[in-house]
Amino acid sequence: MESPKKLSCLLTSIDLQNRKATVLAELRKYVLEKKELNTGYAYKFSGSDEMIDLISDFIKSERHCCDFFSFHMHVQNRDALWLDITGPEGAKEFIKTELEL
């Protein structure tokens, strides 16, 4: 049986640290609720147009450096937006430790 592929971000250590200090820190400020999923996490944000834009921009950039993630954005009227970040085995721990979300 083949061992699972090690998940890694395509950013260099310095780029990842910068991303944690800027983009991810900004996103963290807006998290209203967090739910654990089997293969990742779901995050609740306000349902504003600005938040939809911020989350969309996050997904567009994140999918290039961490192409093993799956993103699902649910917009519930103007009250809430949920972002699910999931992936293969190991993705949940990667989200917790590397993205610090």
PDB file of N, CA and C in Angstrom:
ATOM      1  N   MET A   1       0.844  -1.187   0.000  1.00  0.00           N
ATOM      2  CA  MET A   1       0.000   0.000   0.000  1.00  0.00           C
ATOM      3  C   MET A   1       0.886   1.246   0.000  1.00  0.00           C
ATOM      4  N   GLU A   2       0.587   2.185  -0.884  1.00  0.00           N
ATOM      5  CA  GLU A   2       1.370   3.412  -1.003  1.00  0.00           C
ATOM      6  C   GLU A   2       1.033   4.365   0.135  1.00  0.00           C
ATOM      7  N   SER A   3       2.065   5.010   0.705  1.00  0.00           N
ATOM      8  CA  SER A   3       1.809   5.958   1.794  1.00  0.00           C
ATOM      9  C   SER A   3       1.228   7.249   1.224  1.00  0.00           C
ATOM     10  N   PRO A   4       0.425   7.976   2.034  1.00  0.00           N
ATOM     11  CA  PRO A   4      -0.201   9.204   1.552  1.00  0.00           C
ATOM     12  C   PRO A   4       0.852  10.245   1.174  1.00  0.00           C
ATOM     13  N   LYS A   5       0.542  11.030   0.166  1.00  0.00           N
ATOM     14  CA  LYS A   5       1.422  12.091  -0.302  1.00  0.00           C
ATOM     15  C   LYS A   5       1.531  13.167   0.780  1.00  0.00           C
ATOM     16  N   LYS A   6       2.760  13.647   1.005  1.00  0.00           N
ATOM     17  CA  LYS A   6       2.964  14.716   1.978  1.00  0.00           C
ATOM     18  C   LYS A   6       2.420  16.016   1.378  1.00  0.00           C
ATOM     19  N   LEU A   7       1.587  16.700   2.131  1.00  0.00           N
ATOM     20  CA  LEU A   7       1.014  17.953   1.675  1.00  0.00           C
ATOM     21  C   LEU A   7       1.991  19.076   1.956  1.00  0.00           C
ATOM     22  N   SER A   8       2.166  19.931   0.983  1.00  0.00           N
ATOM     23  CA  SER A   8       3.044  21.077   1.206  1.00  0.00           C
ATOM     24  C   SER A   8       2.601  22.249   0.346  1.00  0.00           C
ATOM     25  N   CYS A   9       2.832  23.410   0.879  1.00  0.00           N
ATOM     26  CA  CYS A   9       2.521  24.658   0.194  1.00  0.00           C
ATOM     27  C   CYS A   9       3.649  24.943  -0.793  1.00  0.00           C
ATOM     28  N   LEU A  10       3.316  25.494  -1.943  1.00  0.00           N
ATOM     29  CA  LEU A  10       4.322  25.806  -2.950  1.00  0.00           C
ATOM     30  C   LEU A  10       5.081  27.097  -2.639  1.00  0.00           C
ATOM     31  N   LEU A  11       4.644  27.841  -1.634  1.00  0.00           N
ATOM     32  CA  LEU A  11       5.344  29.061  -1.245  1.00  0.00           C
ATOM     33  C   LEU A  11       6.623  28.719  -0.484  1.00  0.00           C
ATOM     34  N   THR A  12       7.606  29.576  -0.570  1.00  0.00           N
ATOM     35  CA  THR A  12       8.810  29.403   0.238  1.00  0.00           C
ATOM     36  C   THR A  12       8.452  29.702   1.692  1.00  0.00           C
ATOM     37  N   SER A  13       9.315  29.335   2.600  1.00  0.00           N
ATOM     38  CA  SER A  13       9.063  29.593   4.027  1.00  0.00           C
ATOM     39  C   SER A  13       8.836  31.070   4.295  1.00  0.00           C
ATOM     40  N   ILE A  14       9.643  31.925   3.671  1.00  0.00           N
ATOM     41  CA  ILE A  14       9.514  33.371   3.871  1.00  0.00           C
ATOM     42  C   ILE A  14       8.178  33.870   3.319  1.00  0.00           C
ATOM     43  N   ASP A  15       7.817  33.404   2.115  1.00  0.00           N
ATOM     44  CA  ASP A  15       6.542  33.805   1.512  1.00  0.00           C
ATOM     45  C   ASP A  15       5.367  33.342   2.369  1.00  0.00           C
ATOM     46  N   LEU A  16       5.460  32.121   2.899  1.00  0.00           N
ATOM     47  CA  LEU A  16       4.392  31.599   3.744  1.00  0.00           C
ATOM     48  C   LEU A  16       4.280  32.420   5.028  1.00  0.00           C
ATOM     49  N   GLN A  17       5.395  32.770   5.631  1.00  0.00           N
ATOM     50  CA  GLN A  17       5.364  33.592   6.844  1.00  0.00           C
ATOM     51  C   GLN A  17       4.739  34.956   6.562  1.00  0.00           C
ATOM     52  N   ASN A  18       5.075  35.548   5.418  1.00  0.00           N
ATOM     53  CA  ASN A  18       4.475  36.826   5.027  1.00  0.00           C
ATOM     54  C   ASN A  18       2.977  36.676   4.818  1.00  0.00           C
ATOM     55  N   ARG A  19       2.582  35.577   4.205  1.00  0.00           N
ATOM     56  CA  ARG A  19       1.155  35.324   3.958  1.00  0.00           C
ATOM     57  C   ARG A  19       0.403  35.176   5.275  1.00  0.00           C
ATOM     58  N   LYS A  20       1.000  34.483   6.231  1.00  0.00           N
ATOM     59  CA  LYS A  20       0.378  34.319   7.551  1.00  0.00           C
ATOM     60  C   LYS A  20       0.193  35.673   8.232  1.00  0.00           C
ATOM     61  N   ALA A  21       1.171  36.550   8.060  1.00  0.00           N
ATOM     62  CA  ALA A  21       1.139  37.849   8.728  1.00  0.00           C
ATOM     63  C   ALA A  21       0.212  38.846   8.039  1.00  0.00           C
ATOM     64  N   THR A  22      -0.137  38.599   6.799  1.00  0.00           N
ATOM     65  CA  THR A  22      -0.965  39.565   6.066  1.00  0.00           C
ATOM     66  C   THR A  22      -2.325  38.971   5.709  1.00  0.00           C
ATOM     67  N   VAL A  23      -2.378  38.197   4.666  1.00  0.00           N
ATOM     68  CA  VAL A  23      -3.642  37.675   4.134  1.00  0.00           C
ATOM     69  C   VAL A  23      -4.387  36.826   5.161  1.00  0.00           C
ATOM     70  N   LEU A  24      -3.703  35.874   5.759  1.00  0.00           N
ATOM     71  CA  LEU A  24      -4.365  34.980   6.716  1.00  0.00           C
ATOM     72  C   LEU A  24      -4.745  35.699   8.004  1.00  0.00           C
ATOM     73  N   ALA A  25      -3.909  36.622   8.455  1.00  0.00           N
ATOM     74  CA  ALA A  25      -4.235  37.404   9.656  1.00  0.00           C
ATOM     75  C   ALA A  25      -5.473  38.247   9.409  1.00  0.00           C
ATOM     76  N   GLU A  26      -5.574  38.833   8.217  1.00  0.00           N
ATOM     77  CA  GLU A  26      -6.748  39.634   7.846  1.00  0.00           C
ATOM     78  C   GLU A  26      -8.003  38.762   7.848  1.00  0.00           C
ATOM     79  N   LEU A  27      -7.917  37.597   7.249  1.00  0.00           N
ATOM     80  CA  LEU A  27      -9.062  36.689   7.176  1.00  0.00           C
ATOM     81  C   LEU A  27      -9.500  36.246   8.576  1.00  0.00           C
ATOM     82  N   ARG A  28      -8.522  35.923   9.432  1.00  0.00           N
ATOM     83  CA  ARG A  28      -8.813  35.477  10.806  1.00  0.00           C
ATOM     84  C   ARG A  28      -9.662  36.481  11.578  1.00  0.00           C
ATOM     85  N   LYS A  29      -9.452  37.769  11.319  1.00  0.00           N
ATOM     86  CA  LYS A  29     -10.183  38.821  12.045  1.00  0.00           C
ATOM     87  C   LYS A  29     -11.685  38.745  11.802  1.00  0.00           C
ATOM     88  N   TYR A  30     -12.083  38.200  10.674  1.00  0.00           N
ATOM     89  CA  TYR A  30     -13.486  38.210  10.285  1.00  0.00           C
ATOM     90  C   TYR A  30     -14.222  36.898  10.548  1.00  0.00           C
ATOM     91  N   VAL A  31     -13.523  35.889  11.049  1.00  0.00           N
ATOM     92  CA  VAL A  31     -14.165  34.602  11.335  1.00  0.00           C
ATOM     93  C   VAL A  31     -15.129  34.772  12.504  1.00  0.00           C
ATOM     94  N   LEU A  32     -16.399  34.447  12.266  1.00  0.00           N
ATOM     95  CA  LEU A  32     -17.423  34.549  13.312  1.00  0.00           C
ATOM     96  C   LEU A  32     -17.631  33.221  14.038  1.00  0.00           C
ATOM     97  N   GLU A  33     -17.377  32.132  13.322  1.00  0.00           N
ATOM     98  CA  GLU A  33     -17.590  30.798  13.883  1.00  0.00           C
ATOM     99  C   GLU A  33     -16.746  29.811  13.090  1.00  0.00           C
ATOM    100  N   LYS A  34     -16.335  28.743  13.758  1.00  0.00           N
ATOM    101  CA  LYS A  34     -15.532  27.701  13.108  1.00  0.00           C
ATOM    102  C   LYS A  34     -16.121  26.353  13.470  1.00  0.00           C
ATOM    103  N   LYS A  35     -16.286  25.492  12.469  1.00  0.00           N
ATOM    104  CA  LYS A  35     -16.795  24.133  12.700  1.00  0.00           C
ATOM    105  C   LYS A  35     -15.806  23.130  12.131  1.00  0.00           C
ATOM    106  N   GLU A  36     -15.603  22.073  12.880  1.00  0.00           N
ATOM    107  CA  GLU A  36     -14.728  21.014  12.421  1.00  0.00           C
ATOM    108  C   GLU A  36     -15.498  20.092  11.477  1.00  0.00           C
ATOM    109  N   LEU A  37     -14.891  19.763  10.358  1.00  0.00           N
ATOM    110  CA  LEU A  37     -15.452  18.820   9.399  1.00  0.00           C
ATOM    111  C   LEU A  37     -14.560  17.579   9.375  1.00  0.00           C
ATOM    112  N   ASN A  38     -15.021  16.501   8.763  1.00  0.00           N
ATOM    113  CA  ASN A  38     -14.212  15.278   8.699  1.00  0.00           C
ATOM    114  C   ASN A  38     -12.869  15.503   8.027  1.00  0.00           C
ATOM    115  N   THR A  39     -12.851  16.297   6.963  1.00  0.00           N
ATOM    116  CA  THR A  39     -11.626  16.475   6.188  1.00  0.00           C
ATOM    117  C   THR A  39     -11.127  17.917   6.163  1.00  0.00           C
ATOM    118  N   GLY A  40     -11.579  18.739   7.106  1.00  0.00           N
ATOM    119  CA  GLY A  40     -11.152  20.134   7.141  1.00  0.00           C
ATOM    120  C   GLY A  40     -11.969  20.948   8.127  1.00  0.00           C
ATOM    121  N   TYR A  41     -12.251  22.191   7.749  1.00  0.00           N
ATOM    122  CA  TYR A  41     -12.987  23.104   8.619  1.00  0.00           C
ATOM    123  C   TYR A  41     -13.948  23.959   7.805  1.00  0.00           C
ATOM    124  N   ALA A  42     -14.994  24.444   8.476  1.00  0.00           N
ATOM    125  CA  ALA A  42     -15.932  25.403   7.895  1.00  0.00           C
ATOM    126  C   ALA A  42     -15.849  26.669   8.730  1.00  0.00           C
ATOM    127  N   TYR A  43     -15.821  27.812   8.048  1.00  0.00           N
ATOM    128  CA  TYR A  43     -15.686  29.112   8.701  1.00  0.00           C
ATOM    129  C   TYR A  43     -16.853  29.994   8.320  1.00  0.00           C
ATOM    130  N   LYS A  44     -17.438  30.634   9.316  1.00  0.00           N
ATOM    131  CA  LYS A  44     -18.560  31.538   9.077  1.00  0.00           C
ATOM    132  C   LYS A  44     -18.067  32.982   9.083  1.00  0.00           C
ATOM    133  N   PHE A  45     -18.548  33.749   8.104  1.00  0.00           N
ATOM    134  CA  PHE A  45     -18.239  35.165   7.972  1.00  0.00           C
ATOM    135  C   PHE A  45     -19.550  35.915   7.753  1.00  0.00           C
ATOM    136  N   SER A  46     -19.509  37.232   7.811  1.00  0.00           N
ATOM    137  CA  SER A  46     -20.700  38.008   7.460  1.00  0.00           C
ATOM    138  C   SER A  46     -20.996  37.776   5.981  1.00  0.00           C
ATOM    139  N   GLY A  47     -22.218  38.023   5.575  1.00  0.00           N
ATOM    140  CA  GLY A  47     -22.610  37.798   4.188  1.00  0.00           C
ATOM    141  C   GLY A  47     -22.509  39.041   3.320  1.00  0.00           C
ATOM    142  N   SER A  48     -21.703  40.000   3.705  1.00  0.00           N
ATOM    143  CA  SER A  48     -21.600  41.255   2.957  1.00  0.00           C
ATOM    144  C   SER A  48     -20.902  41.047   1.612  1.00  0.00           C
ATOM    145  N   ASP A  49     -21.144  41.959   0.689  1.00  0.00           N
ATOM    146  CA  ASP A  49     -20.479  41.904  -0.611  1.00  0.00           C
ATOM    147  C   ASP A  49     -18.959  42.002  -0.447  1.00  0.00           C
ATOM    148  N   GLU A  50     -18.511  42.834   0.480  1.00  0.00           N
ATOM    149  CA  GLU A  50     -17.081  42.988   0.730  1.00  0.00           C
ATOM    150  C   GLU A  50     -16.457  41.673   1.203  1.00  0.00           C
ATOM    151  N   MET A  51     -17.184  40.945   2.050  1.00  0.00           N
ATOM    152  CA  MET A  51     -16.665  39.669   2.545  1.00  0.00           C
ATOM    153  C   MET A  51     -16.646  38.630   1.423  1.00  0.00           C
ATOM    154  N   ILE A  52     -17.656  38.638   0.579  1.00  0.00           N
ATOM    155  CA  ILE A  52     -17.670  37.725  -0.572  1.00  0.00           C
ATOM    156  C   ILE A  52     -16.450  37.988  -1.446  1.00  0.00           C
ATOM    157  N   ASP A  53     -16.132  39.255  -1.680  1.00  0.00           N
ATOM    158  CA  ASP A  53     -14.958  39.615  -2.478  1.00  0.00           C
ATOM    159  C   ASP A  53     -13.666  39.158  -1.798  1.00  0.00           C
ATOM    160  N   LEU A  54     -13.549  39.386  -0.487  1.00  0.00           N
ATOM    161  CA  LEU A  54     -12.348  38.996   0.257  1.00  0.00           C
ATOM    162  C   LEU A  54     -12.135  37.483   0.208  1.00  0.00           C
ATOM    163  N   ILE A  55     -13.204  36.728   0.430  1.00  0.00           N
ATOM    164  CA  ILE A  55     -13.110  35.263   0.408  1.00  0.00           C
ATOM    165  C   ILE A  55     -12.783  34.771  -0.998  1.00  0.00           C
ATOM    166  N   SER A  56     -13.403  35.374  -2.003  1.00  0.00           N
ATOM    167  CA  SER A  56     -13.116  34.987  -3.393  1.00  0.00           C
ATOM    168  C   SER A  56     -11.650  35.223  -3.731  1.00  0.00           C
ATOM    169  N   ASP A  57     -11.117  36.363  -3.320  1.00  0.00           N
ATOM    170  CA  ASP A  57      -9.703  36.660  -3.557  1.00  0.00           C
ATOM    171  C   ASP A  57      -8.800  35.668  -2.822  1.00  0.00           C
ATOM    172  N   PHE A  58      -9.172  35.316  -1.593  1.00  0.00           N
ATOM    173  CA  PHE A  58      -8.414  34.323  -0.824  1.00  0.00           C
ATOM    174  C   PHE A  58      -8.380  32.996  -1.564  1.00  0.00           C
ATOM    175  N   ILE A  59      -9.534  32.533  -2.039  1.00  0.00           N
ATOM    176  CA  ILE A  59      -9.611  31.255  -2.758  1.00  0.00           C
ATOM    177  C   ILE A  59      -8.760  31.304  -4.029  1.00  0.00           C
ATOM    178  N   LYS A  60      -8.854  32.398  -4.772  1.00  0.00           N
ATOM    179  CA  LYS A  60      -8.095  32.517  -6.023  1.00  0.00           C
ATOM    180  C   LYS A  60      -6.594  32.410  -5.785  1.00  0.00           C
ATOM    181  N   SER A  61      -6.106  33.011  -4.734  1.00  0.00           N
ATOM    182  CA  SER A  61      -4.663  32.944  -4.473  1.00  0.00           C
ATOM    183  C   SER A  61      -4.258  31.630  -3.814  1.00  0.00           C
ATOM    184  N   GLU A  62      -5.070  31.140  -2.908  1.00  0.00           N
ATOM    185  CA  GLU A  62      -4.719  29.935  -2.142  1.00  0.00           C
ATOM    186  C   GLU A  62      -4.685  28.681  -3.018  1.00  0.00           C
ATOM    187  N   ARG A  63      -5.527  28.625  -4.022  1.00  0.00           N
ATOM    188  CA  ARG A  63      -5.577  27.419  -4.864  1.00  0.00           C
ATOM    189  C   ARG A  63      -4.312  27.237  -5.692  1.00  0.00           C
ATOM    190  N   HIS A  64      -3.524  28.304  -5.851  1.00  0.00           N
ATOM    191  CA  HIS A  64      -2.280  28.200  -6.609  1.00  0.00           C
ATOM    192  C   HIS A  64      -1.133  27.662  -5.759  1.00  0.00           C
ATOM    193  N   CYS A  65      -1.110  28.015  -4.480  1.00  0.00           N
ATOM    194  CA  CYS A  65      -0.002  27.566  -3.638  1.00  0.00           C
ATOM    195  C   CYS A  65      -0.312  26.254  -2.907  1.00  0.00           C
ATOM    196  N   CYS A  66      -1.573  25.983  -2.666  1.00  0.00           N
ATOM    197  CA  CYS A  66      -1.983  24.751  -1.974  1.00  0.00           C
ATOM    198  C   CYS A  66      -3.064  24.074  -2.814  1.00  0.00           C
ATOM    199  N   ASP A  67      -2.649  23.487  -3.914  1.00  0.00           N
ATOM    200  CA  ASP A  67      -3.604  22.943  -4.880  1.00  0.00           C
ATOM    201  C   ASP A  67      -4.308  21.660  -4.424  1.00  0.00           C
ATOM    202  N   PHE A  68      -4.007  21.191  -3.231  1.00  0.00           N
ATOM    203  CA  PHE A  68      -4.662  20.002  -2.692  1.00  0.00           C
ATOM    204  C   PHE A  68      -5.950  20.346  -1.936  1.00  0.00           C
ATOM    205  N   PHE A  69      -6.200  21.632  -1.683  1.00  0.00           N
ATOM    206  CA  PHE A  69      -7.413  22.045  -0.978  1.00  0.00           C
ATOM    207  C   PHE A  69      -8.618  22.054  -1.911  1.00  0.00           C
ATOM    208  N   SER A  70      -9.777  21.833  -1.324  1.00  0.00           N
ATOM    209  CA  SER A  70     -11.059  22.064  -1.989  1.00  0.00           C
ATOM    210  C   SER A  70     -11.753  23.175  -1.216  1.00  0.00           C
ATOM    211  N   PHE A  71     -12.313  24.130  -1.947  1.00  0.00           N
ATOM    212  CA  PHE A  71     -12.998  25.262  -1.336  1.00  0.00           C
ATOM    213  C   PHE A  71     -14.461  25.231  -1.756  1.00  0.00           C
ATOM    214  N   HIS A  72     -15.328  25.493  -0.789  1.00  0.00           N
ATOM    215  CA  HIS A  72     -16.755  25.596  -1.085  1.00  0.00           C
ATOM    216  C   HIS A  72     -17.301  26.786  -0.311  1.00  0.00           C
ATOM    217  N   MET A  73     -17.835  27.754  -1.042  1.00  0.00           N
ATOM    218  CA  MET A  73     -18.382  28.945  -0.400  1.00  0.00           C
ATOM    219  C   MET A  73     -19.904  28.875  -0.486  1.00  0.00           C
ATOM    220  N   HIS A  74     -20.576  28.986   0.655  1.00  0.00           N
ATOM    221  CA  HIS A  74     -22.044  29.000   0.731  1.00  0.00           C
ATOM    222  C   HIS A  74     -22.453  30.397   1.176  1.00  0.00           C
ATOM    223  N   VAL A  75     -23.269  31.040   0.402  1.00  0.00           N
ATOM    224  CA  VAL A  75     -23.749  32.364   0.787  1.00  0.00           C
ATOM    225  C   VAL A  75     -25.215  32.229   1.161  1.00  0.00           C
ATOM    226  N   GLN A  76     -25.525  32.571   2.406  1.00  0.00           N
ATOM    227  CA  GLN A  76     -26.890  32.490   2.916  1.00  0.00           C
ATOM    228  C   GLN A  76     -27.419  33.908   3.065  1.00  0.00           C
ATOM    229  N   ASN A  77     -28.199  34.338   2.116  1.00  0.00           N
ATOM    230  CA  ASN A  77     -28.737  35.697   2.070  1.00  0.00           C
ATOM    231  C   ASN A  77     -27.667  36.716   2.464  1.00  0.00           C
ATOM    232  N   ARG A  78     -28.023  37.751   3.184  1.00  0.00           N
ATOM    233  CA  ARG A  78     -27.040  38.778   3.575  1.00  0.00           C
ATOM    234  C   ARG A  78     -26.453  38.535   4.958  1.00  0.00           C
ATOM    235  N   ASP A  79     -26.928  37.488   5.604  1.00  0.00           N
ATOM    236  CA  ASP A  79     -26.525  37.263   6.993  1.00  0.00           C
ATOM    237  C   ASP A  79     -25.236  36.472   7.157  1.00  0.00           C
ATOM    238  N   ALA A  80     -24.992  35.547   6.271  1.00  0.00           N
ATOM    239  CA  ALA A  80     -23.851  34.660   6.516  1.00  0.00           C
ATOM    240  C   ALA A  80     -23.246  34.120   5.231  1.00  0.00           C
ATOM    241  N   LEU A  81     -21.956  33.894   5.329  1.00  0.00           N
ATOM    242  CA  LEU A  81     -21.192  33.239   4.292  1.00  0.00           C
ATOM    243  C   LEU A  81     -20.383  32.165   4.995  1.00  0.00           C
ATOM    244  N   TRP A  82     -20.423  30.955   4.485  1.00  0.00           N
ATOM    245  CA  TRP A  82     -19.615  29.868   5.033  1.00  0.00           C
ATOM    246  C   TRP A  82     -18.575  29.475   4.001  1.00  0.00           C
ATOM    247  N   LEU A  83     -17.350  29.297   4.449  1.00  0.00           N
ATOM    248  CA  LEU A  83     -16.267  28.807   3.602  1.00  0.00           C
ATOM    249  C   LEU A  83     -15.793  27.484   4.169  1.00  0.00           C
ATOM    250  N   ASP A  84     -15.936  26.427   3.364  1.00  0.00           N
ATOM    251  CA  ASP A  84     -15.404  25.115   3.737  1.00  0.00           C
ATOM    252  C   ASP A  84     -14.050  24.957   3.058  1.00  0.00           C
ATOM    253  N   ILE A  85     -13.046  24.593   3.834  1.00  0.00           N
ATOM    254  CA  ILE A  85     -11.735  24.254   3.291  1.00  0.00           C
ATOM    255  C   ILE A  85     -11.474  22.804   3.677  1.00  0.00           C
ATOM    256  N   THR A  86     -11.380  21.956   2.681  1.00  0.00           N
ATOM    257  CA  THR A  86     -11.194  20.523   2.916  1.00  0.00           C
ATOM    258  C   THR A  86     -10.108  20.002   1.977  1.00  0.00           C
ATOM    259  N   GLY A  87      -9.749  18.756   2.167  1.00  0.00           N
ATOM    260  CA  GLY A  87      -8.742  18.156   1.306  1.00  0.00           C
ATOM    261  C   GLY A  87      -8.501  16.707   1.675  1.00  0.00           C
ATOM    262  N   PRO A  88      -7.453  16.129   1.105  1.00  0.00           N
ATOM    263  CA  PRO A  88      -7.126  14.727   1.360  1.00  0.00           C
ATOM    264  C   PRO A  88      -6.592  14.540   2.777  1.00  0.00           C
ATOM    265  N   GLU A  89      -6.246  13.320   3.098  1.00  0.00           N
ATOM    266  CA  GLU A  89      -5.681  13.006   4.412  1.00  0.00           C
ATOM    267  C   GLU A  89      -4.519  13.947   4.715  1.00  0.00           C
ATOM    268  N   GLY A  90      -4.547  14.550   5.881  1.00  0.00           N
ATOM    269  CA  GLY A  90      -3.497  15.469   6.298  1.00  0.00           C
ATOM    270  C   GLY A  90      -3.847  16.934   6.094  1.00  0.00           C
ATOM    271  N   ALA A  91      -4.872  17.208   5.276  1.00  0.00           N
ATOM    272  CA  ALA A  91      -5.241  18.605   4.987  1.00  0.00           C
ATOM    273  C   ALA A  91      -5.761  19.316   6.234  1.00  0.00           C
ATOM    274  N   LYS A  92      -6.526  18.604   7.032  1.00  0.00           N
ATOM    275  CA  LYS A  92      -7.097  19.212   8.242  1.00  0.00           C
ATOM    276  C   LYS A  92      -5.996  19.693   9.181  1.00  0.00           C
ATOM    277  N   GLU A  93      -4.995  18.874   9.383  1.00  0.00           N
ATOM    278  CA  GLU A  93      -3.870  19.251  10.252  1.00  0.00           C
ATOM    279  C   GLU A  93      -3.074  20.392   9.623  1.00  0.00           C
ATOM    280  N   PHE A  94      -2.935  20.376   8.298  1.00  0.00           N
ATOM    281  CA  PHE A  94      -2.222  21.439   7.583  1.00  0.00           C
ATOM    282  C   PHE A  94      -2.926  22.779   7.786  1.00  0.00           C
ATOM    283  N   ILE A  95      -4.248  22.783   7.705  1.00  0.00           N
ATOM    284  CA  ILE A  95      -5.035  24.007   7.917  1.00  0.00           C
ATOM    285  C   ILE A  95      -4.777  24.547   9.322  1.00  0.00           C
ATOM    286  N   LYS A  96      -4.810  23.643  10.262  1.00  0.00           N
ATOM    287  CA  LYS A  96      -4.640  24.028  11.677  1.00  0.00           C
ATOM    288  C   LYS A  96      -3.239  24.549  11.970  1.00  0.00           C
ATOM    289  N   THR A  97      -2.209  23.887  11.474  1.00  0.00           N
ATOM    290  CA  THR A  97      -0.841  24.244  11.835  1.00  0.00           C
ATOM    291  C   THR A  97      -0.196  25.247  10.885  1.00  0.00           C
ATOM    292  N   GLU A  98      -0.402  25.075   9.586  1.00  0.00           N
ATOM    293  CA  GLU A  98       0.275  25.937   8.619  1.00  0.00           C
ATOM    294  C   GLU A  98      -0.513  27.216   8.314  1.00  0.00           C
ATOM    295  N   LEU A  99      -1.825  27.085   8.128  1.00  0.00           N
ATOM    296  CA  LEU A  99      -2.637  28.272   7.857  1.00  0.00           C
ATOM    297  C   LEU A  99      -3.026  28.970   9.157  1.00  0.00           C
ATOM    298  N   GLU A 100      -2.999  28.221  10.254  1.00  0.00           N
ATOM    299  CA  GLU A 100      -3.390  28.737  11.566  1.00  0.00           C
ATOM    300  C   GLU A 100      -4.804  29.328  11.539  1.00  0.00           C
ATOM    301  N   LEU A 101      -5.666  28.632  10.853  1.00  0.00           N
ATOM    302  CA  LEU A 101      -7.081  29.049  10.800  1.00  0.00           C
ATOM    303  C   LEU A 101      -7.915  28.159  11.677  1.00  0.00           C
TER     304      LEU A 101
END
